[in-house]
Amino acid sequence: MHGYLADKRSFNRQIPFFSRDFDVHAIDLKGFGENQGMPFPYALSDYLLEVKEYLYKFNLKKPSVIAHSFGGRIAVKGAAEDPELFDKIVLTGAAGLKPRPSLKRATKKTVFKVLKTFVPKEKLVRFYSPDYQQLSPIMKESFKLIVNEYLDGVLGKIKNKTLVINGANDRETPPYMAKRLYRGIENSELIFIKGAGHFCFIDKCAKFNTEVREFLLS
């Protein structure tokens, strides 16, 4: 399951590799890739339902899952709610945990709250990330629903064997988040890939593929 503003093509270096040993499925989540036309703002629960419908459609019973970033949010929520949904789980650059407090973030948030009461929205564009600005109106509402749901409190409910594998230089989901996933999920392993960032499966695809294959076949 791919990350936000990505699609299944982000795993182009994984699909043929893992197809040697597994029946591989790669999904375009609603709003991305070939799966356009979001009918209403999707929350995380709506994306999880979409994944369940996909599994039912293709008769996939308890598959293992590799989930990146936003896809990791779905995998974590799904595994916490239903231990029989997935078999093994690979989380890479998984999002969904509450970031550490920082003075810069707190200041920006406070200034934005004050300004938005009397400054036109179009003049506050500098407060929004470039990724957010390029979204359609309905996708912006969906994005807000997703990023405001934190999953720290459900990690203890996950019983699946889980591999947390992150780039050591990941700035989107920094190493402290990977460590928090590892500590929170009881049956988990943690691997950092040196010289790799948020897309460690692209930056160091051979290392990523080898480690994940060994985990899935163990």
N, C-alpha and C. Protein backbone atom coordinates (compact mmCIF):
# COMPACT_ATOMS: atom_id res chain seq x y z
N MET A 1 0.86 -1.19 0.00
CA MET A 1 0.00 0.00 0.00
C MET A 1 0.89 1.24 0.00
N HIS A 2 0.64 2.09 -0.96
CA HIS A 2 1.51 3.24 -1.21
C HIS A 2 1.26 4.41 -0.25
N GLY A 3 2.12 5.41 -0.35
CA GLY A 3 2.01 6.59 0.47
C GLY A 3 1.12 7.65 -0.17
N TYR A 4 0.94 8.76 0.55
CA TYR A 4 0.07 9.84 0.08
C TYR A 4 0.72 10.54 -1.11
N LEU A 5 -0.11 10.92 -2.09
CA LEU A 5 0.33 11.54 -3.35
C LEU A 5 1.22 10.62 -4.18
N ALA A 6 1.22 9.32 -3.86
CA ALA A 6 1.92 8.33 -4.66
C ALA A 6 0.88 7.36 -5.22
N ASP A 7 1.32 6.29 -5.83
CA ASP A 7 0.41 5.23 -6.28
C ASP A 7 1.21 3.94 -6.34
N LYS A 8 0.61 2.88 -6.86
CA LYS A 8 1.25 1.57 -6.85
C LYS A 8 2.57 1.55 -7.61
N ARG A 9 2.77 2.52 -8.52
CA ARG A 9 4.01 2.54 -9.29
C ARG A 9 5.24 2.83 -8.43
N SER A 10 5.02 3.37 -7.22
CA SER A 10 6.16 3.62 -6.34
C SER A 10 6.85 2.32 -5.95
N PHE A 11 6.14 1.18 -6.10
CA PHE A 11 6.71 -0.12 -5.78
C PHE A 11 7.17 -0.87 -7.02
N ASN A 12 7.51 -0.15 -8.07
CA ASN A 12 7.93 -0.80 -9.32
C ASN A 12 9.17 -1.66 -9.16
N ARG A 13 9.99 -1.36 -8.15
CA ARG A 13 11.20 -2.16 -7.93
C ARG A 13 10.95 -3.32 -6.97
N GLN A 14 9.76 -3.35 -6.37
CA GLN A 14 9.41 -4.44 -5.47
C GLN A 14 8.50 -5.48 -6.13
N ILE A 15 7.58 -5.04 -6.96
CA ILE A 15 6.58 -5.95 -7.53
C ILE A 15 7.23 -7.12 -8.28
N PRO A 16 8.14 -6.89 -9.24
CA PRO A 16 8.75 -8.04 -9.92
C PRO A 16 9.62 -8.90 -9.01
N PHE A 17 10.29 -8.25 -8.04
CA PHE A 17 11.16 -8.99 -7.12
C PHE A 17 10.35 -9.95 -6.27
N PHE A 18 9.29 -9.47 -5.64
CA PHE A 18 8.52 -10.32 -4.74
C PHE A 18 7.61 -11.30 -5.48
N SER A 19 7.36 -11.01 -6.75
CA SER A 19 6.54 -11.92 -7.55
C SER A 19 7.23 -13.27 -7.77
N ARG A 20 8.52 -13.34 -7.52
CA ARG A 20 9.23 -14.62 -7.63
C ARG A 20 8.76 -15.61 -6.57
N ASP A 21 8.35 -15.10 -5.42
CA ASP A 21 7.98 -15.97 -4.29
C ASP A 21 6.52 -15.84 -3.86
N PHE A 22 5.86 -14.77 -4.30
CA PHE A 22 4.51 -14.49 -3.79
C PHE A 22 3.57 -14.08 -4.92
N ASP A 23 2.29 -14.22 -4.65
CA ASP A 23 1.25 -13.63 -5.51
C ASP A 23 1.11 -12.18 -5.07
N VAL A 24 1.59 -11.25 -5.88
CA VAL A 24 1.67 -9.85 -5.47
C VAL A 24 0.50 -9.03 -6.01
N HIS A 25 -0.10 -8.25 -5.12
CA HIS A 25 -1.15 -7.29 -5.50
C HIS A 25 -0.70 -5.91 -5.07
N ALA A 26 -0.89 -4.92 -5.95
CA ALA A 26 -0.60 -3.52 -5.62
C ALA A 26 -1.84 -2.70 -5.94
N ILE A 27 -2.32 -1.96 -4.96
CA ILE A 27 -3.58 -1.23 -5.09
C ILE A 27 -3.32 0.27 -5.23
N ASP A 28 -4.08 0.92 -6.09
CA ASP A 28 -4.15 2.38 -6.11
C ASP A 28 -5.28 2.79 -5.18
N LEU A 29 -4.95 3.46 -4.09
CA LEU A 29 -5.96 3.90 -3.15
C LEU A 29 -6.76 5.07 -3.72
N LYS A 30 -7.97 5.24 -3.24
CA LYS A 30 -8.88 6.24 -3.78
C LYS A 30 -8.24 7.64 -3.82
N GLY A 31 -8.31 8.25 -5.01
CA GLY A 31 -7.76 9.59 -5.21
C GLY A 31 -6.37 9.59 -5.81
N PHE A 32 -5.80 8.39 -6.04
CA PHE A 32 -4.42 8.31 -6.51
C PHE A 32 -4.30 7.33 -7.68
N GLY A 33 -3.31 7.58 -8.53
CA GLY A 33 -3.07 6.69 -9.65
C GLY A 33 -4.28 6.56 -10.55
N GLU A 34 -4.68 5.32 -10.81
CA GLU A 34 -5.81 5.04 -11.69
C GLU A 34 -7.14 5.04 -10.95
N ASN A 35 -7.11 5.30 -9.66
CA ASN A 35 -8.33 5.23 -8.84
C ASN A 35 -8.78 6.64 -8.45
N GLN A 36 -9.18 7.43 -9.44
CA GLN A 36 -9.58 8.81 -9.21
C GLN A 36 -11.08 8.91 -8.90
N GLY A 37 -11.53 10.14 -8.64
CA GLY A 37 -12.97 10.37 -8.46
C GLY A 37 -13.47 10.10 -7.06
N MET A 38 -12.90 10.77 -6.06
CA MET A 38 -13.35 10.59 -4.68
C MET A 38 -14.74 11.19 -4.51
N PRO A 39 -15.76 10.40 -4.11
CA PRO A 39 -17.13 10.89 -4.02
C PRO A 39 -17.40 11.78 -2.80
N PHE A 40 -16.59 11.60 -1.76
CA PHE A 40 -16.71 12.40 -0.53
C PHE A 40 -15.36 12.34 0.17
N PRO A 41 -15.10 13.24 1.12
CA PRO A 41 -13.80 13.21 1.81
C PRO A 41 -13.59 11.91 2.59
N TYR A 42 -12.65 11.11 2.16
CA TYR A 42 -12.36 9.85 2.82
C TYR A 42 -11.61 10.08 4.13
N ALA A 43 -12.07 9.44 5.18
CA ALA A 43 -11.31 9.34 6.42
C ALA A 43 -10.52 8.03 6.37
N LEU A 44 -9.69 7.81 7.37
CA LEU A 44 -8.87 6.61 7.38
C LEU A 44 -9.74 5.34 7.37
N SER A 45 -10.87 5.39 8.05
CA SER A 45 -11.77 4.24 8.09
C SER A 45 -12.34 3.92 6.71
N ASP A 46 -12.54 4.94 5.88
CA ASP A 46 -13.03 4.72 4.52
C ASP A 46 -11.97 4.04 3.66
N TYR A 47 -10.72 4.44 3.84
CA TYR A 47 -9.64 3.79 3.11
C TYR A 47 -9.48 2.34 3.56
N LEU A 48 -9.65 2.10 4.84
CA LEU A 48 -9.56 0.73 5.34
C LEU A 48 -10.67 -0.13 4.75
N LEU A 49 -11.86 0.43 4.65
CA LEU A 49 -12.97 -0.30 4.04
C LEU A 49 -12.66 -0.61 2.58
N GLU A 50 -12.04 0.33 1.88
CA GLU A 50 -11.67 0.11 0.48
C GLU A 50 -10.70 -1.06 0.36
N VAL A 51 -9.74 -1.13 1.27
CA VAL A 51 -8.78 -2.24 1.25
C VAL A 51 -9.49 -3.56 1.53
N LYS A 52 -10.40 -3.58 2.48
CA LYS A 52 -11.15 -4.81 2.78
C LYS A 52 -11.98 -5.25 1.58
N GLU A 53 -12.57 -4.31 0.88
CA GLU A 53 -13.35 -4.64 -0.32
C GLU A 53 -12.45 -5.22 -1.41
N TYR A 54 -11.24 -4.68 -1.52
CA TYR A 54 -10.29 -5.20 -2.49
C TYR A 54 -9.91 -6.65 -2.15
N LEU A 55 -9.65 -6.91 -0.87
CA LEU A 55 -9.29 -8.27 -0.45
C LEU A 55 -10.43 -9.23 -0.73
N TYR A 56 -11.65 -8.79 -0.49
CA TYR A 56 -12.82 -9.64 -0.75
C TYR A 56 -12.98 -9.91 -2.24
N LYS A 57 -12.81 -8.86 -3.03
CA LYS A 57 -12.98 -8.98 -4.49
C LYS A 57 -12.03 -10.01 -5.07
N PHE A 58 -10.79 -10.04 -4.60
CA PHE A 58 -9.78 -10.94 -5.15
C PHE A 58 -9.57 -12.19 -4.28
N ASN A 59 -10.47 -12.37 -3.31
CA ASN A 59 -10.44 -13.56 -2.45
C ASN A 59 -9.08 -13.73 -1.77
N LEU A 60 -8.56 -12.62 -1.25
CA LEU A 60 -7.27 -12.64 -0.57
C LEU A 60 -7.52 -12.76 0.93
N LYS A 61 -7.18 -13.91 1.46
CA LYS A 61 -7.44 -14.18 2.88
C LYS A 61 -6.15 -14.06 3.68
N LYS A 62 -6.15 -13.11 4.57
CA LYS A 62 -5.05 -12.86 5.49
C LYS A 62 -3.70 -12.76 4.77
N PRO A 63 -3.58 -11.81 3.83
CA PRO A 63 -2.29 -11.63 3.14
C PRO A 63 -1.30 -10.88 4.02
N SER A 64 -0.04 -11.05 3.72
CA SER A 64 0.96 -10.16 4.30
C SER A 64 0.89 -8.84 3.54
N VAL A 65 1.36 -7.77 4.18
CA VAL A 65 1.22 -6.46 3.56
C VAL A 65 2.50 -5.65 3.75
N ILE A 66 2.91 -4.96 2.69
CA ILE A 66 3.99 -3.98 2.76
C ILE A 66 3.34 -2.61 2.62
N ALA A 67 3.53 -1.75 3.60
CA ALA A 67 2.81 -0.47 3.64
C ALA A 67 3.77 0.68 3.88
N HIS A 68 3.69 1.68 3.00
CA HIS A 68 4.57 2.85 3.10
C HIS A 68 3.80 4.08 3.54
N SER A 69 4.33 4.81 4.50
CA SER A 69 3.84 6.13 4.90
C SER A 69 2.33 6.12 5.18
N PHE A 70 1.54 6.78 4.34
CA PHE A 70 0.08 6.80 4.49
C PHE A 70 -0.49 5.38 4.47
N GLY A 71 0.06 4.52 3.62
CA GLY A 71 -0.37 3.13 3.62
C GLY A 71 -0.15 2.47 4.96
N GLY A 72 0.90 2.90 5.67
CA GLY A 72 1.16 2.39 7.01
C GLY A 72 0.06 2.75 7.99
N ARG A 73 -0.53 3.92 7.81
CA ARG A 73 -1.66 4.29 8.67
C ARG A 73 -2.78 3.27 8.53
N ILE A 74 -3.07 2.90 7.28
CA ILE A 74 -4.16 1.96 7.02
C ILE A 74 -3.83 0.59 7.60
N ALA A 75 -2.59 0.14 7.40
CA ALA A 75 -2.18 -1.16 7.91
C ALA A 75 -2.26 -1.22 9.44
N VAL A 76 -1.80 -0.17 10.09
CA VAL A 76 -1.83 -0.13 11.56
C VAL A 76 -3.26 -0.13 12.07
N LYS A 77 -4.10 0.71 11.51
CA LYS A 77 -5.49 0.78 11.94
C LYS A 77 -6.20 -0.56 11.69
N GLY A 78 -5.96 -1.13 10.51
CA GLY A 78 -6.61 -2.40 10.18
C GLY A 78 -6.19 -3.53 11.08
N ALA A 79 -4.88 -3.65 11.36
CA ALA A 79 -4.38 -4.72 12.21
C ALA A 79 -4.84 -4.56 13.65
N ALA A 80 -4.94 -3.32 14.11
CA ALA A 80 -5.39 -3.07 15.48
C ALA A 80 -6.86 -3.44 15.65
N GLU A 81 -7.66 -3.22 14.62
CA GLU A 81 -9.09 -3.49 14.70
C GLU A 81 -9.42 -4.96 14.42
N ASP A 82 -8.62 -5.61 13.59
CA ASP A 82 -8.91 -7.00 13.20
C ASP A 82 -7.61 -7.78 13.05
N PRO A 83 -7.25 -8.59 14.04
CA PRO A 83 -5.98 -9.33 13.98
C PRO A 83 -5.93 -10.38 12.87
N GLU A 84 -7.08 -10.69 12.28
CA GLU A 84 -7.13 -11.69 11.21
C GLU A 84 -7.11 -11.05 9.82
N LEU A 85 -7.03 -9.73 9.75
CA LEU A 85 -7.07 -9.06 8.45
C LEU A 85 -5.79 -9.32 7.66
N PHE A 86 -4.64 -9.22 8.33
CA PHE A 86 -3.35 -9.43 7.68
C PHE A 86 -2.59 -10.55 8.37
N ASP A 87 -1.58 -11.07 7.67
CA ASP A 87 -0.64 -12.01 8.27
C ASP A 87 0.54 -11.19 8.78
N LYS A 88 1.65 -11.22 8.07
CA LYS A 88 2.79 -10.40 8.49
C LYS A 88 2.65 -8.98 7.93
N ILE A 89 3.23 -8.03 8.66
CA ILE A 89 3.12 -6.62 8.28
C ILE A 89 4.51 -6.02 8.16
N VAL A 90 4.74 -5.30 7.06
CA VAL A 90 5.97 -4.54 6.88
C VAL A 90 5.59 -3.07 6.83
N LEU A 91 6.11 -2.31 7.78
CA LEU A 91 5.84 -0.88 7.85
C LEU A 91 7.12 -0.13 7.49
N THR A 92 7.07 0.67 6.45
CA THR A 92 8.24 1.44 6.03
C THR A 92 7.88 2.92 5.95
N GLY A 93 8.54 3.73 6.74
CA GLY A 93 8.21 5.15 6.81
C GLY A 93 6.76 5.36 7.19
N ALA A 94 6.25 4.51 8.08
CA ALA A 94 4.82 4.55 8.42
C ALA A 94 4.45 5.84 9.15
N ALA A 95 3.39 6.49 8.66
CA ALA A 95 2.89 7.71 9.29
C ALA A 95 1.78 7.35 10.28
N GLY A 96 1.27 8.37 10.96
CA GLY A 96 0.14 8.15 11.84
C GLY A 96 0.41 8.36 13.31
N LEU A 97 1.67 8.56 13.67
CA LEU A 97 2.01 8.81 15.07
C LEU A 97 2.12 10.31 15.32
N LYS A 98 1.79 10.71 16.52
CA LYS A 98 1.83 12.13 16.87
C LYS A 98 3.28 12.60 16.91
N PRO A 99 3.62 13.65 16.17
CA PRO A 99 5.01 14.13 16.16
C PRO A 99 5.41 14.73 17.50
N ARG A 100 6.70 14.73 17.74
CA ARG A 100 7.21 15.37 18.96
C ARG A 100 6.87 16.85 18.95
N PRO A 101 6.57 17.41 20.10
CA PRO A 101 6.32 18.86 20.13
C PRO A 101 7.59 19.63 19.82
N SER A 102 7.44 20.72 19.09
CA SER A 102 8.59 21.57 18.80
C SER A 102 8.14 23.03 18.88
N LEU A 103 9.05 23.90 19.25
CA LEU A 103 8.75 25.32 19.38
C LEU A 103 8.32 25.90 18.03
N LYS A 104 9.00 25.50 16.96
CA LYS A 104 8.69 26.02 15.63
C LYS A 104 7.28 25.64 15.22
N ARG A 105 6.90 24.36 15.42
CA ARG A 105 5.57 23.90 15.03
C ARG A 105 4.50 24.57 15.88
N ALA A 106 4.76 24.70 17.18
CA ALA A 106 3.79 25.31 18.08
C ALA A 106 3.57 26.78 17.76
N THR A 107 4.66 27.48 17.43
CA THR A 107 4.56 28.90 17.09
C THR A 107 3.77 29.10 15.81
N LYS A 108 4.07 28.28 14.80
CA LYS A 108 3.38 28.38 13.52
C LYS A 108 1.88 28.11 13.69
N LYS A 109 1.55 27.12 14.51
CA LYS A 109 0.15 26.77 14.76
C LYS A 109 -0.59 27.90 15.47
N THR A 110 0.06 28.50 16.44
CA THR A 110 -0.56 29.59 17.19
C THR A 110 -0.79 30.81 16.30
N VAL A 111 0.22 31.16 15.50
CA VAL A 111 0.10 32.31 14.59
C VAL A 111 -1.04 32.08 13.59
N PHE A 112 -1.11 30.85 13.06
CA PHE A 112 -2.16 30.53 12.09
C PHE A 112 -3.55 30.66 12.72
N LYS A 113 -3.71 30.16 13.94
CA LYS A 113 -5.01 30.23 14.62
C LYS A 113 -5.44 31.69 14.82
N VAL A 114 -4.49 32.55 15.13
CA VAL A 114 -4.80 33.96 15.35
C VAL A 114 -5.16 34.64 14.03
N LEU A 115 -4.35 34.42 13.01
CA LEU A 115 -4.54 35.11 11.73
C LEU A 115 -5.80 34.68 10.99
N LYS A 116 -6.18 33.40 11.10
CA LYS A 116 -7.29 32.91 10.28
C LYS A 116 -8.64 33.51 10.68
N THR A 117 -8.68 34.18 11.83
CA THR A 117 -9.94 34.80 12.27
C THR A 117 -10.22 36.12 11.56
N PHE A 118 -9.17 36.73 10.99
CA PHE A 118 -9.41 38.03 10.34
C PHE A 118 -8.62 38.24 9.04
N VAL A 119 -7.85 37.22 8.61
CA VAL A 119 -7.10 37.32 7.36
C VAL A 119 -7.73 36.36 6.34
N PRO A 120 -7.99 36.81 5.09
CA PRO A 120 -8.55 35.93 4.06
C PRO A 120 -7.72 34.67 3.88
N LYS A 121 -8.40 33.54 3.66
CA LYS A 121 -7.74 32.24 3.56
C LYS A 121 -6.65 32.22 2.49
N GLU A 122 -6.92 32.90 1.35
CA GLU A 122 -5.96 32.85 0.25
C GLU A 122 -4.63 33.53 0.61
N LYS A 123 -4.64 34.39 1.63
CA LYS A 123 -3.42 35.06 2.05
C LYS A 123 -2.63 34.25 3.09
N LEU A 124 -3.19 33.12 3.50
CA LEU A 124 -2.52 32.26 4.48
C LEU A 124 -1.87 31.06 3.81
N VAL A 125 -1.69 31.13 2.49
CA VAL A 125 -1.21 29.98 1.73
C VAL A 125 0.17 29.52 2.19
N ARG A 126 0.97 30.43 2.72
CA ARG A 126 2.32 30.05 3.14
C ARG A 126 2.31 29.09 4.33
N PHE A 127 1.18 28.99 5.02
CA PHE A 127 1.09 28.09 6.17
C PHE A 127 0.81 26.65 5.74
N TYR A 128 0.44 26.45 4.49
CA TYR A 128 0.10 25.12 4.01
C TYR A 128 1.28 24.53 3.23
N SER A 129 1.46 23.23 3.34
CA SER A 129 2.54 22.55 2.63
C SER A 129 2.25 22.56 1.13
N PRO A 130 3.29 22.47 0.30
CA PRO A 130 3.09 22.40 -1.16
C PRO A 130 2.21 21.22 -1.55
N ASP A 131 2.36 20.09 -0.86
CA ASP A 131 1.53 18.92 -1.16
C ASP A 131 0.05 19.22 -0.92
N TYR A 132 -0.24 19.89 0.18
CA TYR A 132 -1.63 20.21 0.51
C TYR A 132 -2.22 21.19 -0.51
N GLN A 133 -1.43 22.17 -0.93
CA GLN A 133 -1.92 23.20 -1.84
C GLN A 133 -2.34 22.65 -3.20
N GLN A 134 -1.74 21.56 -3.64
CA GLN A 134 -2.06 21.02 -4.95
C GLN A 134 -3.26 20.07 -4.94
N LEU A 135 -3.82 19.81 -3.78
CA LEU A 135 -4.96 18.91 -3.68
C LEU A 135 -6.25 19.60 -4.12
N SER A 136 -7.21 18.80 -4.60
CA SER A 136 -8.54 19.32 -4.91
C SER A 136 -9.25 19.63 -3.60
N PRO A 137 -10.32 20.43 -3.63
CA PRO A 137 -11.04 20.76 -2.40
C PRO A 137 -11.47 19.54 -1.60
N ILE A 138 -12.00 18.52 -2.28
CA ILE A 138 -12.49 17.33 -1.57
C ILE A 138 -11.31 16.53 -0.98
N MET A 139 -10.18 16.53 -1.70
CA MET A 139 -9.01 15.83 -1.18
C MET A 139 -8.39 16.58 0.00
N LYS A 140 -8.51 17.89 0.01
CA LYS A 140 -8.02 18.67 1.15
C LYS A 140 -8.79 18.31 2.42
N GLU A 141 -10.10 18.16 2.28
CA GLU A 141 -10.91 17.77 3.45
C GLU A 141 -10.55 16.37 3.90
N SER A 142 -10.31 15.48 2.95
CA SER A 142 -9.89 14.12 3.28
C SER A 142 -8.54 14.13 4.00
N PHE A 143 -7.62 14.92 3.48
CA PHE A 143 -6.28 15.02 4.07
C PHE A 143 -6.36 15.45 5.54
N LYS A 144 -7.21 16.41 5.82
CA LYS A 144 -7.34 16.90 7.19
C LYS A 144 -7.89 15.81 8.12
N LEU A 145 -8.84 15.03 7.62
CA LEU A 145 -9.39 13.93 8.42
C LEU A 145 -8.31 12.90 8.74
N ILE A 146 -7.47 12.64 7.76
CA ILE A 146 -6.44 11.60 7.91
C ILE A 146 -5.36 12.03 8.89
N VAL A 147 -4.80 13.23 8.69
CA VAL A 147 -3.65 13.64 9.50
C VAL A 147 -4.03 13.98 10.94
N ASN A 148 -5.30 14.17 11.20
CA ASN A 148 -5.74 14.47 12.56
C ASN A 148 -6.14 13.23 13.34
N GLU A 149 -5.95 12.04 12.74
CA GLU A 149 -6.20 10.80 13.47
C GLU A 149 -4.87 10.16 13.83
N TYR A 150 -4.52 10.21 15.11
CA TYR A 150 -3.26 9.63 15.57
C TYR A 150 -3.49 8.21 16.06
N LEU A 151 -2.51 7.35 15.81
CA LEU A 151 -2.68 5.92 16.06
C LEU A 151 -1.80 5.39 17.18
N ASP A 152 -1.16 6.29 17.92
CA ASP A 152 -0.27 5.86 19.01
C ASP A 152 -0.98 4.91 19.98
N GLY A 153 -2.24 5.21 20.26
CA GLY A 153 -2.96 4.46 21.29
C GLY A 153 -3.39 3.06 20.89
N VAL A 154 -3.26 2.70 19.62
CA VAL A 154 -3.74 1.37 19.18
C VAL A 154 -2.60 0.40 18.92
N LEU A 155 -1.35 0.85 19.02
CA LEU A 155 -0.22 -0.02 18.69
C LEU A 155 -0.21 -1.29 19.52
N GLY A 156 -0.59 -1.20 20.78
CA GLY A 156 -0.58 -2.35 21.67
C GLY A 156 -1.59 -3.43 21.30
N LYS A 157 -2.53 -3.09 20.43
CA LYS A 157 -3.54 -4.07 20.01
C LYS A 157 -3.06 -4.93 18.84
N ILE A 158 -1.95 -4.56 18.23
CA ILE A 158 -1.44 -5.30 17.07
C ILE A 158 -0.65 -6.52 17.54
N LYS A 159 -1.08 -7.68 17.10
CA LYS A 159 -0.43 -8.94 17.49
C LYS A 159 0.33 -9.59 16.33
N ASN A 160 0.19 -9.04 15.14
CA ASN A 160 0.86 -9.59 13.96
C ASN A 160 2.37 -9.46 14.08
N LYS A 161 3.09 -10.43 13.48
CA LYS A 161 4.53 -10.30 13.37
C LYS A 161 4.80 -9.13 12.42
N THR A 162 5.58 -8.15 12.87
CA THR A 162 5.72 -6.89 12.14
C THR A 162 7.19 -6.52 11.97
N LEU A 163 7.52 -6.06 10.78
CA LEU A 163 8.86 -5.51 10.52
C LEU A 163 8.73 -4.02 10.29
N VAL A 164 9.42 -3.24 11.10
CA VAL A 164 9.51 -1.79 10.92
C VAL A 164 10.85 -1.52 10.26
N ILE A 165 10.81 -1.05 9.02
CA ILE A 165 12.05 -0.84 8.27
C ILE A 165 12.05 0.57 7.68
N ASN A 166 12.97 1.38 8.14
CA ASN A 166 13.00 2.81 7.80
C ASN A 166 14.36 3.24 7.28
N GLY A 167 14.35 4.30 6.49
CA GLY A 167 15.60 4.94 6.12
C GLY A 167 16.16 5.68 7.32
N ALA A 168 17.45 5.55 7.55
CA ALA A 168 18.07 6.23 8.69
C ALA A 168 18.01 7.74 8.55
N ASN A 169 17.84 8.23 7.31
CA ASN A 169 17.80 9.68 7.06
C ASN A 169 16.39 10.18 6.76
N ASP A 170 15.39 9.42 7.14
CA ASP A 170 14.00 9.80 6.88
C ASP A 170 13.64 11.06 7.67
N ARG A 171 13.21 12.09 6.95
CA ARG A 171 12.81 13.34 7.61
C ARG A 171 11.29 13.47 7.73
N GLU A 172 10.55 12.71 6.94
CA GLU A 172 9.08 12.76 7.00
C GLU A 172 8.57 12.00 8.21
N THR A 173 9.06 10.80 8.39
CA THR A 173 8.74 9.99 9.57
C THR A 173 10.08 9.61 10.20
N PRO A 174 10.62 10.49 11.04
CA PRO A 174 11.99 10.34 11.55
C PRO A 174 12.20 9.05 12.34
N PRO A 175 13.46 8.69 12.58
CA PRO A 175 13.78 7.46 13.30
C PRO A 175 13.06 7.30 14.63
N TYR A 176 12.77 8.39 15.34
CA TYR A 176 12.10 8.24 16.63
C TYR A 176 10.69 7.66 16.47
N MET A 177 10.06 7.91 15.32
CA MET A 177 8.74 7.33 15.07
C MET A 177 8.85 5.83 14.81
N ALA A 178 9.88 5.42 14.07
CA ALA A 178 10.09 3.99 13.84
C ALA A 178 10.35 3.28 15.16
N LYS A 179 11.13 3.89 16.03
CA LYS A 179 11.41 3.29 17.34
C LYS A 179 10.15 3.20 18.18
N ARG A 180 9.28 4.19 18.06
CA ARG A 180 8.02 4.17 18.80
C ARG A 180 7.11 3.05 18.30
N LEU A 181 7.09 2.84 16.98
CA LEU A 181 6.33 1.71 16.43
C LEU A 181 6.88 0.40 16.96
N TYR A 182 8.18 0.27 16.96
CA TYR A 182 8.84 -0.95 17.43
C TYR A 182 8.53 -1.23 18.89
N ARG A 183 8.59 -0.20 19.72
CA ARG A 183 8.29 -0.38 21.14
C ARG A 183 6.81 -0.66 21.38
N GLY A 184 5.96 -0.08 20.55
CA GLY A 184 4.52 -0.21 20.77
C GLY A 184 3.92 -1.49 20.25
N ILE A 185 4.53 -2.09 19.22
CA ILE A 185 4.01 -3.33 18.65
C ILE A 185 4.82 -4.48 19.23
N GLU A 186 4.16 -5.33 19.97
CA GLU A 186 4.84 -6.36 20.77
C GLU A 186 5.71 -7.29 19.94
N ASN A 187 5.19 -7.82 18.86
CA ASN A 187 5.90 -8.84 18.08
C ASN A 187 6.54 -8.20 16.85
N SER A 188 7.48 -7.29 17.08
CA SER A 188 8.04 -6.51 15.97
C SER A 188 9.56 -6.54 15.94
N GLU A 189 10.11 -6.25 14.77
CA GLU A 189 11.53 -6.11 14.56
C GLU A 189 11.78 -4.72 13.97
N LEU A 190 12.99 -4.21 14.17
CA LEU A 190 13.31 -2.87 13.68
C LEU A 190 14.61 -2.89 12.90
N ILE A 191 14.57 -2.31 11.69
CA ILE A 191 15.76 -2.20 10.85
C ILE A 191 15.85 -0.78 10.31
N PHE A 192 17.03 -0.18 10.42
CA PHE A 192 17.31 1.10 9.78
C PHE A 192 18.25 0.86 8.61
N ILE A 193 17.94 1.48 7.48
CA ILE A 193 18.79 1.36 6.29
C ILE A 193 19.61 2.63 6.14
N LYS A 194 20.91 2.50 6.24
CA LYS A 194 21.81 3.64 6.15
C LYS A 194 21.77 4.24 4.75
N GLY A 195 21.87 5.57 4.69
CA GLY A 195 21.92 6.27 3.41
C GLY A 195 20.59 6.35 2.69
N ALA A 196 19.50 6.05 3.38
CA ALA A 196 18.18 6.06 2.76
C ALA A 196 17.26 7.02 3.50
N GLY A 197 16.31 7.59 2.76
CA GLY A 197 15.35 8.52 3.34
C GLY A 197 13.96 7.91 3.46
N HIS A 198 12.94 8.74 3.23
CA HIS A 198 11.56 8.31 3.44
C HIS A 198 11.16 7.19 2.47
N PHE A 199 11.75 7.21 1.27
CA PHE A 199 11.49 6.15 0.29
C PHE A 199 12.68 5.18 0.28
N CYS A 200 12.93 4.53 1.40
CA CYS A 200 14.10 3.66 1.49
C CYS A 200 14.01 2.48 0.54
N PHE A 201 12.80 2.10 0.17
CA PHE A 201 12.63 0.97 -0.75
C PHE A 201 13.00 1.36 -2.19
N ILE A 202 13.16 2.64 -2.44
CA ILE A 202 13.68 3.12 -3.72
C ILE A 202 15.16 3.49 -3.59
N ASP A 203 15.49 4.20 -2.52
CA ASP A 203 16.87 4.65 -2.31
C ASP A 203 17.85 3.47 -2.23
N LYS A 204 17.44 2.44 -1.50
CA LYS A 204 18.29 1.25 -1.30
C LYS A 204 17.43 0.01 -1.54
N CYS A 205 16.97 -0.13 -2.77
CA CYS A 205 15.97 -1.16 -3.04
C CYS A 205 16.51 -2.58 -2.83
N ALA A 206 17.76 -2.84 -3.16
CA ALA A 206 18.31 -4.19 -3.00
C ALA A 206 18.33 -4.58 -1.52
N LYS A 207 18.80 -3.67 -0.67
CA LYS A 207 18.84 -3.93 0.77
C LYS A 207 17.42 -4.11 1.32
N PHE A 208 16.52 -3.22 0.92
CA PHE A 208 15.13 -3.31 1.38
C PHE A 208 14.52 -4.63 0.96
N ASN A 209 14.63 -4.96 -0.31
CA ASN A 209 14.00 -6.18 -0.82
C ASN A 209 14.53 -7.43 -0.14
N THR A 210 15.82 -7.46 0.08
CA THR A 210 16.44 -8.63 0.72
C THR A 210 15.95 -8.80 2.15
N GLU A 211 15.94 -7.71 2.91
CA GLU A 211 15.52 -7.77 4.31
C GLU A 211 14.04 -8.16 4.42
N VAL A 212 13.20 -7.59 3.57
CA VAL A 212 11.77 -7.86 3.64
C VAL A 212 11.48 -9.30 3.19
N ARG A 213 12.14 -9.75 2.14
CA ARG A 213 11.96 -11.13 1.68
C ARG A 213 12.30 -12.11 2.77
N GLU A 214 13.43 -11.90 3.45
CA GLU A 214 13.84 -12.79 4.53
C GLU A 214 12.80 -12.80 5.65
N PHE A 215 12.27 -11.62 5.95
CA PHE A 215 11.25 -11.52 7.01
C PHE A 215 9.97 -12.26 6.62
N LEU A 216 9.53 -12.09 5.39
CA LEU A 216 8.28 -12.70 4.95
C LEU A 216 8.39 -14.22 4.84
N LEU A 217 9.56 -14.72 4.48
CA LEU A 217 9.74 -16.15 4.31
C LEU A 217 10.16 -16.87 5.59
N SER A 218 10.52 -16.10 6.62
CA SER A 218 10.99 -16.72 7.86
C SER A 218 9.86 -17.42 8.59
